[in-house]
Amino acid sequence: MPSELEQTLTAIDALHAQDPRQTTLADGNPLPQELVYAQRMSHWLEQLQSAPAELLRLAVRAQHLQRWLVPRSDYPEGRIGYLTWRRDQSERAGDTTAQLMRDAGYSAADAERVATIIRKKGLGRDSDVQALEDCACLVFLENYFADFSRKVEHDHMVRIVQKTWGKMSPQAHALALALPMSETSAALVKEALGSA
């Protein structure tokens, strides 16, 4: 009989696996995009904490749950549209994860706690929310930053790096600075941090 944790992680990954968008891994194998993202999030949590708590493991794994169902293009352009989309996504992911947890036998309080972490309520005050944010920032910097920076105007990209850096813990800063980066990406980070 699988544990509550195993049952919920399996259910989360089953939903991730439904993402029709594919990511090709370094070994050439295609995998659903959100499943890859979730695995990357869990990997960084293990780098940040030697023994992460069960509820945090669930929140980190489910942060982008079914994100493809509500595309960014459904919302207005600009910052307000982006922030509204992001808030709605985190509400949805939190609600869905909480339901999966209750189905697996978790208490309503534990399910709500995970939903709160996913919604990033208390960033800067809640160590679990900070850990989730650190994972998200590290996944972005390691896997998506280089491509993203080619599509965004330079000064705007500098501001994005500064904002990302401002949300990270000192421990995550150290891990980020050790990431292998192209010369272009490294120069962008250096410029952002030098003018922050």
C-alpha atoms as a PDB file:
ATOM      1  CA  MET A   1       0.000   0.000   0.000  1.00  0.00           C
ATOM      2  CA  PRO A   2       1.626   3.298  -1.055  1.00  0.00           C
ATOM      3  CA  SER A   3       1.978   6.010   1.582  1.00  0.00           C
ATOM      4  CA  GLU A   4      -0.017   9.242   1.429  1.00  0.00           C
ATOM      5  CA  LEU A   5       3.116  10.956   0.116  1.00  0.00           C
ATOM      6  CA  GLU A   6       3.781   8.362  -2.602  1.00  0.00           C
ATOM      7  CA  GLN A   7       0.131   8.328  -3.656  1.00  0.00           C
ATOM      8  CA  THR A   8      -0.004  12.129  -3.934  1.00  0.00           C
ATOM      9  CA  LEU A   9       3.316  12.429  -5.777  1.00  0.00           C
ATOM     10  CA  THR A  10       2.149   9.763  -8.251  1.00  0.00           C
ATOM     11  CA  ALA A  11      -1.126  11.645  -8.794  1.00  0.00           C
ATOM     12  CA  ILE A  12       0.728  14.961  -9.262  1.00  0.00           C
ATOM     13  CA  ASP A  13       3.115  13.439 -11.801  1.00  0.00           C
ATOM     14  CA  ALA A  14       0.234  11.776 -13.647  1.00  0.00           C
ATOM     15  CA  LEU A  15      -1.283  15.236 -14.188  1.00  0.00           C
ATOM     16  CA  HIS A  16       2.112  16.668 -15.201  1.00  0.00           C
ATOM     17  CA  ALA A  17       2.448  13.844 -17.734  1.00  0.00           C
ATOM     18  CA  GLN A  18      -0.740  15.033 -19.503  1.00  0.00           C
ATOM     19  CA  ASP A  19       1.012  18.223 -20.681  1.00  0.00           C
ATOM     20  CA  PRO A  20       0.833  18.065 -24.509  1.00  0.00           C
ATOM     21  CA  ARG A  21       3.942  20.286 -24.800  1.00  0.00           C
ATOM     22  CA  GLN A  22       7.225  18.386 -24.959  1.00  0.00           C
ATOM     23  CA  THR A  23      10.748  19.167 -23.769  1.00  0.00           C
ATOM     24  CA  THR A  24      13.668  17.296 -25.313  1.00  0.00           C
ATOM     25  CA  LEU A  25      16.200  16.317 -22.686  1.00  0.00           C
ATOM     26  CA  ALA A  26      19.988  16.324 -23.179  1.00  0.00           C
ATOM     27  CA  ASP A  27      19.840  12.584 -23.971  1.00  0.00           C
ATOM     28  CA  GLY A  28      17.378  13.281 -26.806  1.00  0.00           C
ATOM     29  CA  ASN A  29      14.333  11.853 -25.028  1.00  0.00           C
ATOM     30  CA  PRO A  30      11.129  13.930 -25.178  1.00  0.00           C
ATOM     31  CA  LEU A  31       9.114  14.323 -21.964  1.00  0.00           C
ATOM     32  CA  PRO A  32       6.034  16.401 -21.065  1.00  0.00           C
ATOM     33  CA  GLN A  33       7.221  19.941 -20.318  1.00  0.00           C
ATOM     34  CA  GLU A  34       5.620  20.294 -16.878  1.00  0.00           C
ATOM     35  CA  LEU A  35       6.849  16.874 -15.751  1.00  0.00           C
ATOM     36  CA  VAL A  36      10.405  17.961 -16.576  1.00  0.00           C
ATOM     37  CA  TYR A  37       9.866  21.259 -14.751  1.00  0.00           C
ATOM     38  CA  ALA A  38       8.538  19.421 -11.662  1.00  0.00           C
ATOM     39  CA  GLN A  39      11.519  17.055 -11.636  1.00  0.00           C
ATOM     40  CA  ARG A  40      13.873  20.032 -11.860  1.00  0.00           C
ATOM     41  CA  MET A  41      12.080  21.704  -8.945  1.00  0.00           C
ATOM     42  CA  SER A  42      12.460  18.563  -6.809  1.00  0.00           C
ATOM     43  CA  HIS A  43      16.137  18.287  -7.766  1.00  0.00           C
ATOM     44  CA  TRP A  44      16.848  21.824  -6.532  1.00  0.00           C
ATOM     45  CA  LEU A  45      14.951  21.247  -3.303  1.00  0.00           C
ATOM     46  CA  GLU A  46      17.320  18.356  -2.581  1.00  0.00           C
ATOM     47  CA  GLN A  47      20.287  20.705  -3.167  1.00  0.00           C
ATOM     48  CA  LEU A  48      18.827  23.311  -0.807  1.00  0.00           C
ATOM     49  CA  GLN A  49      17.758  20.979   2.017  1.00  0.00           C
ATOM     50  CA  SER A  50      19.249  17.642   3.039  1.00  0.00           C
ATOM     51  CA  ALA A  51      15.917  16.352   4.418  1.00  0.00           C
ATOM     52  CA  PRO A  52      13.016  18.456   3.087  1.00  0.00           C
ATOM     53  CA  ALA A  53       9.709  18.141   4.917  1.00  0.00           C
ATOM     54  CA  GLU A  54       6.978  16.063   3.303  1.00  0.00           C
ATOM     55  CA  LEU A  55       4.563  18.955   2.752  1.00  0.00           C
ATOM     56  CA  LEU A  56       7.263  21.109   1.171  1.00  0.00           C
ATOM     57  CA  ARG A  57       8.201  18.242  -1.173  1.00  0.00           C
ATOM     58  CA  LEU A  58       4.582  18.112  -2.357  1.00  0.00           C
ATOM     59  CA  ALA A  59       4.307  21.882  -2.833  1.00  0.00           C
ATOM     60  CA  VAL A  60       7.556  22.073  -4.804  1.00  0.00           C
ATOM     61  CA  ARG A  61       6.531  19.163  -7.039  1.00  0.00           C
ATOM     62  CA  ALA A  62       3.112  20.683  -7.780  1.00  0.00           C
ATOM     63  CA  GLN A  63       3.991  24.349  -8.235  1.00  0.00           C
ATOM     64  CA  HIS A  64       3.123  24.475 -11.977  1.00  0.00           C
ATOM     65  CA  LEU A  65       0.371  21.840 -11.864  1.00  0.00           C
ATOM     66  CA  GLN A  66      -1.627  21.818 -15.146  1.00  0.00           C
ATOM     67  CA  ARG A  67      -0.319  25.253 -16.081  1.00  0.00           C
ATOM     68  CA  TRP A  68      -0.848  24.578 -19.784  1.00  0.00           C
ATOM     69  CA  LEU A  69      -4.646  24.499 -19.286  1.00  0.00           C
ATOM     70  CA  VAL A  70      -4.781  28.290 -18.805  1.00  0.00           C
ATOM     71  CA  PRO A  71      -2.427  29.916 -21.340  1.00  0.00           C
ATOM     72  CA  ARG A  72      -0.848  33.298 -20.687  1.00  0.00           C
ATOM     73  CA  SER A  73      -2.451  34.460 -23.968  1.00  0.00           C
ATOM     74  CA  ASP A  74      -5.907  34.239 -22.309  1.00  0.00           C
ATOM     75  CA  TYR A  75      -4.965  37.310 -20.236  1.00  0.00           C
ATOM     76  CA  PRO A  76      -4.235  40.920 -21.263  1.00  0.00           C
ATOM     77  CA  GLU A  77      -0.709  41.957 -22.248  1.00  0.00           C
ATOM     78  CA  GLY A  78       1.423  43.771 -19.701  1.00  0.00           C
ATOM     79  CA  ARG A  79       2.335  43.439 -16.066  1.00  0.00           C
ATOM     80  CA  ILE A  80      -1.210  43.429 -14.604  1.00  0.00           C
ATOM     81  CA  GLY A  81      -2.300  40.702 -17.018  1.00  0.00           C
ATOM     82  CA  TYR A  82       0.800  38.666 -16.200  1.00  0.00           C
ATOM     83  CA  LEU A  83       0.362  38.998 -12.428  1.00  0.00           C
ATOM     84  CA  THR A  84      -3.343  38.090 -12.665  1.00  0.00           C
ATOM     85  CA  TRP A  85      -2.517  35.006 -14.762  1.00  0.00           C
ATOM     86  CA  ARG A  86       0.193  33.954 -12.312  1.00  0.00           C
ATOM     87  CA  ARG A  87      -2.111  34.417  -9.299  1.00  0.00           C
ATOM     88  CA  ASP A  88      -4.902  32.411 -10.961  1.00  0.00           C
ATOM     89  CA  GLN A  89      -2.425  29.658 -11.853  1.00  0.00           C
ATOM     90  CA  SER A  90      -1.142  29.352  -8.282  1.00  0.00           C
ATOM     91  CA  GLU A  91      -4.702  29.309  -6.898  1.00  0.00           C
ATOM     92  CA  ARG A  92      -5.627  26.524  -9.318  1.00  0.00           C
ATOM     93  CA  ALA A  93      -2.479  24.492  -8.636  1.00  0.00           C
ATOM     94  CA  GLY A  94      -2.978  24.913  -4.878  1.00  0.00           C
ATOM     95  CA  ASP A  95      -6.629  23.847  -4.999  1.00  0.00           C
ATOM     96  CA  THR A  96      -5.931  20.814  -7.224  1.00  0.00           C
ATOM     97  CA  THR A  97      -2.986  19.656  -5.103  1.00  0.00           C
ATOM     98  CA  ALA A  98      -4.994  20.044  -1.894  1.00  0.00           C
ATOM     99  CA  GLN A  99      -7.730  17.843  -3.387  1.00  0.00           C
ATOM    100  CA  LEU A 100      -5.202  15.170  -4.441  1.00  0.00           C
ATOM    101  CA  MET A 101      -3.819  15.223  -0.896  1.00  0.00           C
ATOM    102  CA  ARG A 102      -7.242  14.851   0.726  1.00  0.00           C
ATOM    103  CA  ASP A 103      -8.002  11.975  -1.681  1.00  0.00           C
ATOM    104  CA  ALA A 104      -4.794  10.262  -0.494  1.00  0.00           C
ATOM    105  CA  GLY A 105      -5.753  10.628   3.184  1.00  0.00           C
ATOM    106  CA  TYR A 106      -4.010  13.844   4.257  1.00  0.00           C
ATOM    107  CA  SER A 107      -5.788  16.097   6.724  1.00  0.00           C
ATOM    108  CA  ALA A 108      -7.559  19.245   5.516  1.00  0.00           C
ATOM    109  CA  ALA A 109      -4.982  21.295   7.478  1.00  0.00           C
ATOM    110  CA  ASP A 110      -2.022  19.642   5.716  1.00  0.00           C
ATOM    111  CA  ALA A 111      -3.715  20.056   2.324  1.00  0.00           C
ATOM    112  CA  GLU A 112      -4.350  23.748   3.004  1.00  0.00           C
ATOM    113  CA  ARG A 113      -0.767  24.244   4.171  1.00  0.00           C
ATOM    114  CA  VAL A 114       0.560  22.912   0.848  1.00  0.00           C
ATOM    115  CA  ALA A 115      -1.888  25.105  -1.085  1.00  0.00           C
ATOM    116  CA  THR A 116      -0.619  28.130   0.890  1.00  0.00           C
ATOM    117  CA  ILE A 117       3.006  27.328  -0.015  1.00  0.00           C
ATOM    118  CA  ILE A 118       2.102  26.908  -3.709  1.00  0.00           C
ATOM    119  CA  ARG A 119       0.291  30.273  -3.640  1.00  0.00           C
ATOM    120  CA  LYS A 120       3.508  31.775  -2.166  1.00  0.00           C
ATOM    121  CA  LYS A 121       1.617  33.403   0.676  1.00  0.00           C
ATOM    122  CA  GLY A 122       4.172  34.780   3.134  1.00  0.00           C
ATOM    123  CA  LEU A 123       7.231  35.057   0.886  1.00  0.00           C
ATOM    124  CA  GLY A 124       9.987  36.566   3.013  1.00  0.00           C
ATOM    125  CA  ARG A 125       8.340  35.380   6.253  1.00  0.00           C
ATOM    126  CA  ASP A 126       7.672  31.682   5.635  1.00  0.00           C
ATOM    127  CA  SER A 127      10.742  29.443   5.206  1.00  0.00           C
ATOM    128  CA  ASP A 128       8.813  26.863   3.138  1.00  0.00           C
ATOM    129  CA  VAL A 129       7.552  29.512   0.726  1.00  0.00           C
ATOM    130  CA  GLN A 130      11.120  30.835   0.486  1.00  0.00           C
ATOM    131  CA  ALA A 131      12.401  27.346  -0.340  1.00  0.00           C
ATOM    132  CA  LEU A 132       9.813  26.960  -3.117  1.00  0.00           C
ATOM    133  CA  GLU A 133      10.733  30.393  -4.511  1.00  0.00           C
ATOM    134  CA  ASP A 134      14.435  29.509  -4.380  1.00  0.00           C
ATOM    135  CA  CYS A 135      13.770  26.318  -6.351  1.00  0.00           C
ATOM    136  CA  ALA A 136      11.736  28.214  -8.973  1.00  0.00           C
ATOM    137  CA  CYS A 137      14.453  30.861  -9.387  1.00  0.00           C
ATOM    138  CA  LEU A 138      17.209  28.243  -9.680  1.00  0.00           C
ATOM    139  CA  VAL A 139      15.229  26.202 -12.241  1.00  0.00           C
ATOM    140  CA  PHE A 140      14.711  29.394 -14.262  1.00  0.00           C
ATOM    141  CA  LEU A 141      18.364  30.441 -14.121  1.00  0.00           C
ATOM    142  CA  GLU A 142      19.679  26.976 -14.941  1.00  0.00           C
ATOM    143  CA  ASN A 143      17.260  25.958 -17.707  1.00  0.00           C
ATOM    144  CA  TYR A 144      15.291  28.863 -19.178  1.00  0.00           C
ATOM    145  CA  PHE A 145      17.291  32.056 -18.586  1.00  0.00           C
ATOM    146  CA  ALA A 146      19.522  31.899 -21.688  1.00  0.00           C
ATOM    147  CA  ASP A 147      16.633  31.381 -24.154  1.00  0.00           C
ATOM    148  CA  PHE A 148      14.406  33.868 -22.348  1.00  0.00           C
ATOM    149  CA  SER A 149      17.088  36.577 -22.369  1.00  0.00           C
ATOM    150  CA  ARG A 150      17.376  36.331 -26.175  1.00  0.00           C
ATOM    151  CA  LYS A 151      13.685  37.270 -26.509  1.00  0.00           C
ATOM    152  CA  VAL A 152      13.590  40.160 -24.025  1.00  0.00           C
ATOM    153  CA  GLU A 153      15.009  43.672 -24.421  1.00  0.00           C
ATOM    154  CA  HIS A 154      18.345  44.040 -22.585  1.00  0.00           C
ATOM    155  CA  ASP A 155      17.440  46.638 -19.924  1.00  0.00           C
ATOM    156  CA  HIS A 156      14.193  44.815 -19.137  1.00  0.00           C
ATOM    157  CA  MET A 157      16.166  41.585 -18.750  1.00  0.00           C
ATOM    158  CA  VAL A 158      18.550  43.287 -16.300  1.00  0.00           C
ATOM    159  CA  ARG A 159      15.531  44.307 -14.197  1.00  0.00           C
ATOM    160  CA  ILE A 160      14.147  40.738 -14.325  1.00  0.00           C
ATOM    161  CA  VAL A 161      17.464  39.353 -13.033  1.00  0.00           C
ATOM    162  CA  GLN A 162      17.474  41.963 -10.250  1.00  0.00           C
ATOM    163  CA  LYS A 163      13.899  41.070  -9.240  1.00  0.00           C
ATOM    164  CA  THR A 164      14.651  37.350  -9.363  1.00  0.00           C
ATOM    165  CA  TRP A 165      17.780  37.859  -7.240  1.00  0.00           C
ATOM    166  CA  GLY A 166      15.821  39.921  -4.707  1.00  0.00           C
ATOM    167  CA  LYS A 167      13.423  37.014  -4.115  1.00  0.00           C
ATOM    168  CA  MET A 168      16.194  34.474  -3.420  1.00  0.00           C
ATOM    169  CA  SER A 169      17.846  33.474  -0.150  1.00  0.00           C
ATOM    170  CA  PRO A 170      21.616  33.839   0.387  1.00  0.00           C
ATOM    171  CA  GLN A 171      21.941  30.053   0.026  1.00  0.00           C
ATOM    172  CA  ALA A 172      20.193  30.156  -3.361  1.00  0.00           C
ATOM    173  CA  HIS A 173      22.424  33.081  -4.414  1.00  0.00           C
ATOM    174  CA  ALA A 174      25.496  30.928  -3.777  1.00  0.00           C
ATOM    175  CA  LEU A 175      24.050  28.022  -5.776  1.00  0.00           C
ATOM    176  CA  ALA A 176      23.053  30.346  -8.628  1.00  0.00           C
ATOM    177  CA  LEU A 177      26.527  31.871  -8.881  1.00  0.00           C
ATOM    178  CA  ALA A 178      27.979  28.356  -9.244  1.00  0.00           C
ATOM    179  CA  LEU A 179      25.748  27.517 -12.235  1.00  0.00           C
ATOM    180  CA  PRO A 180      27.490  27.037 -15.573  1.00  0.00           C
ATOM    181  CA  MET A 181      26.406  29.912 -17.860  1.00  0.00           C
ATOM    182  CA  SER A 182      27.274  31.169 -21.295  1.00  0.00           C
ATOM    183  CA  GLU A 183      29.436  34.287 -21.461  1.00  0.00           C
ATOM    184  CA  THR A 184      26.386  36.314 -22.497  1.00  0.00           C
ATOM    185  CA  SER A 185      24.237  35.084 -19.591  1.00  0.00           C
ATOM    186  CA  ALA A 186      27.064  35.515 -17.069  1.00  0.00           C
ATOM    187  CA  ALA A 187      27.674  39.078 -18.284  1.00  0.00           C
ATOM    188  CA  LEU A 188      23.961  39.868 -17.936  1.00  0.00           C
ATOM    189  CA  VAL A 189      23.897  38.550 -14.353  1.00  0.00           C
ATOM    190  CA  LYS A 190      27.067  40.462 -13.503  1.00  0.00           C
ATOM    191  CA  GLU A 191      25.623  43.679 -14.913  1.00  0.00           C
ATOM    192  CA  ALA A 192      22.311  43.184 -13.056  1.00  0.00           C
ATOM    193  CA  LEU A 193      24.029  42.508  -9.729  1.00  0.00           C
ATOM    194  CA  GLY A 194      26.534  45.316 -10.209  1.00  0.00           C
ATOM    195  CA  SER A 195      23.765  47.863 -10.717  1.00  0.00           C
ATOM    196  CA  ALA A 196      21.329  46.383  -8.194  1.00  0.00           C
END
